[in-house]
Amino acid sequence: MPLKTSAQAAFVGILLQTFIWISACATSPVAVTQSEQATDAAIVARVKAALLRDPYLYAAHIDVTANRGDVRLTGFVAEADDFAKAVHTAKGVAGVRHVINNLQLVDRR
């Protein structure tokens, strides 16, 4: 149905802008509390320690971050098997809800 007046077009434009604004506000992240930050810091420390304890995993180039128990592994591993080892080790740490694997394999040619 075509819009007949500029007032109708303006009204539709305002409705569209309002919908977009409400949608953007509804998806904005909720602030992390100090307690959650402390819990995440403890999880990061435990995951890093667990990775460093594994004698078959060179963990010096693996960075660990956490957000509400979701752990993200980034960095580099030397062997293809190290992807699974790192994820398995991180999942075994208390407080870890989910592991996001952003590790990359170093090309050693």
C-alpha atoms as a PDB file:
ATOM      1  CA  MET A   1       0.000   0.000   0.000  1.00  0.00           C
ATOM      2  CA  PRO A   2       1.642   3.271  -1.065  1.00  0.00           C
ATOM      3  CA  LEU A   3       1.963   6.091   1.431  1.00  0.00           C
ATOM      4  CA  LYS A   4      -0.351   8.949   0.483  1.00  0.00           C
ATOM      5  CA  THR A   5       1.045  11.816   2.498  1.00  0.00           C
ATOM      6  CA  SER A   6       4.353  12.942   3.853  1.00  0.00           C
ATOM      7  CA  ALA A   7       2.828  12.669   7.345  1.00  0.00           C
ATOM      8  CA  GLN A   8       2.253   8.954   6.792  1.00  0.00           C
ATOM      9  CA  ALA A   9       5.816   8.541   5.540  1.00  0.00           C
ATOM     10  CA  ALA A  10       7.178  10.414   8.566  1.00  0.00           C
ATOM     11  CA  PHE A  11       5.066   8.279  10.900  1.00  0.00           C
ATOM     12  CA  VAL A  12       6.362   5.060   9.338  1.00  0.00           C
ATOM     13  CA  GLY A  13       9.927   6.388   9.565  1.00  0.00           C
ATOM     14  CA  ILE A  14       9.525   7.198  13.256  1.00  0.00           C
ATOM     15  CA  LEU A  15       8.059   3.748  13.934  1.00  0.00           C
ATOM     16  CA  LEU A  16      10.982   2.120  12.142  1.00  0.00           C
ATOM     17  CA  GLN A  17      13.555   4.173  14.069  1.00  0.00           C
ATOM     18  CA  THR A  18      11.799   3.368  17.359  1.00  0.00           C
ATOM     19  CA  PHE A  19      11.826  -0.351  16.562  1.00  0.00           C
ATOM     20  CA  ILE A  20      15.535  -0.273  15.697  1.00  0.00           C
ATOM     21  CA  TRP A  21      16.345   1.667  18.881  1.00  0.00           C
ATOM     22  CA  ILE A  22      14.377  -0.727  21.085  1.00  0.00           C
ATOM     23  CA  SER A  23      16.001  -3.744  19.415  1.00  0.00           C
ATOM     24  CA  ALA A  24      19.477  -2.301  19.979  1.00  0.00           C
ATOM     25  CA  CYS A  25      18.761  -1.613  23.635  1.00  0.00           C
ATOM     26  CA  ALA A  26      17.343  -5.080  24.191  1.00  0.00           C
ATOM     27  CA  THR A  27      20.549  -6.738  23.003  1.00  0.00           C
ATOM     28  CA  SER A  28      23.038  -4.573  24.886  1.00  0.00           C
ATOM     29  CA  PRO A  29      25.235  -6.545  27.288  1.00  0.00           C
ATOM     30  CA  VAL A  30      24.587  -6.488  31.008  1.00  0.00           C
ATOM     31  CA  ALA A  31      27.428  -5.081  33.094  1.00  0.00           C
ATOM     32  CA  VAL A  32      29.659  -7.607  34.843  1.00  0.00           C
ATOM     33  CA  THR A  33      29.686  -7.199  38.620  1.00  0.00           C
ATOM     34  CA  GLN A  34      32.863  -7.061  40.695  1.00  0.00           C
ATOM     35  CA  SER A  35      32.027 -10.477  42.110  1.00  0.00           C
ATOM     36  CA  GLU A  36      31.760 -11.929  38.588  1.00  0.00           C
ATOM     37  CA  GLN A  37      35.046 -10.261  37.631  1.00  0.00           C
ATOM     38  CA  ALA A  38      36.762 -11.820  40.654  1.00  0.00           C
ATOM     39  CA  THR A  39      35.280 -15.230  39.852  1.00  0.00           C
ATOM     40  CA  ASP A  40      36.411 -14.955  36.226  1.00  0.00           C
ATOM     41  CA  ALA A  41      39.923 -13.917  37.324  1.00  0.00           C
ATOM     42  CA  ALA A  42      40.113 -16.995  39.556  1.00  0.00           C
ATOM     43  CA  ILE A  43      38.917 -19.215  36.699  1.00  0.00           C
ATOM     44  CA  VAL A  44      41.554 -17.728  34.374  1.00  0.00           C
ATOM     45  CA  ALA A  45      44.286 -18.396  36.942  1.00  0.00           C
ATOM     46  CA  ARG A  46      43.136 -22.006  37.427  1.00  0.00           C
ATOM     47  CA  VAL A  47      42.917 -22.665  33.676  1.00  0.00           C
ATOM     48  CA  LYS A  48      46.382 -21.185  33.050  1.00  0.00           C
ATOM     49  CA  ALA A  49      47.830 -23.279  35.871  1.00  0.00           C
ATOM     50  CA  ALA A  50      46.171 -26.433  34.520  1.00  0.00           C
ATOM     51  CA  LEU A  51      47.497 -25.761  31.008  1.00  0.00           C
ATOM     52  CA  LEU A  52      51.015 -25.189  32.323  1.00  0.00           C
ATOM     53  CA  ARG A  53      50.879 -28.419  34.381  1.00  0.00           C
ATOM     54  CA  ASP A  54      50.285 -30.549  31.283  1.00  0.00           C
ATOM     55  CA  PRO A  55      53.771 -31.851  30.360  1.00  0.00           C
ATOM     56  CA  TYR A  56      52.680 -32.610  26.770  1.00  0.00           C
ATOM     57  CA  LEU A  57      51.245 -29.170  26.037  1.00  0.00           C
ATOM     58  CA  TYR A  58      53.374 -26.112  25.406  1.00  0.00           C
ATOM     59  CA  ALA A  59      51.044 -23.517  26.890  1.00  0.00           C
ATOM     60  CA  ALA A  60      53.326 -20.482  26.899  1.00  0.00           C
ATOM     61  CA  HIS A  61      51.599 -19.086  23.803  1.00  0.00           C
ATOM     62  CA  ILE A  62      48.028 -19.710  24.957  1.00  0.00           C
ATOM     63  CA  ASP A  63      46.123 -16.749  26.376  1.00  0.00           C
ATOM     64  CA  VAL A  64      43.075 -17.306  28.561  1.00  0.00           C
ATOM     65  CA  THR A  65      40.171 -14.952  29.224  1.00  0.00           C
ATOM     66  CA  ALA A  66      36.846 -15.564  30.934  1.00  0.00           C
ATOM     67  CA  ASN A  67      33.458 -13.905  30.942  1.00  0.00           C
ATOM     68  CA  ARG A  68      30.891 -15.309  33.383  1.00  0.00           C
ATOM     69  CA  GLY A  69      32.488 -18.738  33.226  1.00  0.00           C
ATOM     70  CA  ASP A  70      32.843 -18.833  29.454  1.00  0.00           C
ATOM     71  CA  VAL A  71      36.552 -19.326  28.785  1.00  0.00           C
ATOM     72  CA  ARG A  72      38.223 -18.184  25.561  1.00  0.00           C
ATOM     73  CA  LEU A  73      41.535 -19.702  24.499  1.00  0.00           C
ATOM     74  CA  THR A  74      43.553 -17.665  22.008  1.00  0.00           C
ATOM     75  CA  GLY A  75      47.093 -17.920  20.757  1.00  0.00           C
ATOM     76  CA  PHE A  76      49.148 -20.597  19.071  1.00  0.00           C
ATOM     77  CA  VAL A  77      49.804 -24.308  19.454  1.00  0.00           C
ATOM     78  CA  ALA A  78      52.555 -26.344  17.818  1.00  0.00           C
ATOM     79  CA  GLU A  79      50.717 -29.628  17.232  1.00  0.00           C
ATOM     80  CA  ALA A  80      47.227 -30.430  15.950  1.00  0.00           C
ATOM     81  CA  ASP A  81      46.565 -32.582  19.037  1.00  0.00           C
ATOM     82  CA  ASP A  82      47.155 -29.537  21.244  1.00  0.00           C
ATOM     83  CA  PHE A  83      43.786 -28.055  20.237  1.00  0.00           C
ATOM     84  CA  ALA A  84      41.916 -30.906  21.888  1.00  0.00           C
ATOM     85  CA  LYS A  85      44.311 -31.093  24.848  1.00  0.00           C
ATOM     86  CA  ALA A  86      43.878 -27.409  25.652  1.00  0.00           C
ATOM     87  CA  VAL A  87      40.085 -27.516  25.392  1.00  0.00           C
ATOM     88  CA  HIS A  88      39.853 -30.722  27.413  1.00  0.00           C
ATOM     89  CA  THR A  89      42.107 -29.301  30.125  1.00  0.00           C
ATOM     90  CA  ALA A  90      40.148 -26.029  30.318  1.00  0.00           C
ATOM     91  CA  LYS A  91      36.798 -27.842  30.496  1.00  0.00           C
ATOM     92  CA  GLY A  92      38.059 -29.812  33.485  1.00  0.00           C
ATOM     93  CA  VAL A  93      38.599 -26.678  35.597  1.00  0.00           C
ATOM     94  CA  ALA A  94      36.000 -25.837  38.230  1.00  0.00           C
ATOM     95  CA  GLY A  95      33.735 -22.963  37.252  1.00  0.00           C
ATOM     96  CA  VAL A  96      34.217 -23.272  33.490  1.00  0.00           C
ATOM     97  CA  ARG A  97      30.841 -23.354  31.744  1.00  0.00           C
ATOM     98  CA  HIS A  98      31.965 -23.325  28.131  1.00  0.00           C
ATOM     99  CA  VAL A  99      35.265 -23.174  26.217  1.00  0.00           C
ATOM    100  CA  ILE A 100      35.657 -21.102  23.069  1.00  0.00           C
ATOM    101  CA  ASN A 101      38.660 -22.303  21.072  1.00  0.00           C
ATOM    102  CA  ASN A 102      40.346 -19.568  19.043  1.00  0.00           C
ATOM    103  CA  LEU A 103      43.730 -21.290  18.954  1.00  0.00           C
ATOM    104  CA  GLN A 104      45.759 -21.363  15.757  1.00  0.00           C
ATOM    105  CA  LEU A 105      48.255 -23.950  14.580  1.00  0.00           C
ATOM    106  CA  VAL A 106      51.757 -22.609  13.977  1.00  0.00           C
ATOM    107  CA  ASP A 107      53.128 -23.532  10.575  1.00  0.00           C
ATOM    108  CA  ARG A 108      56.647 -24.766  11.423  1.00  0.00           C
ATOM    109  CA  ARG A 109      57.905 -25.194   7.847  1.00  0.00           C
END
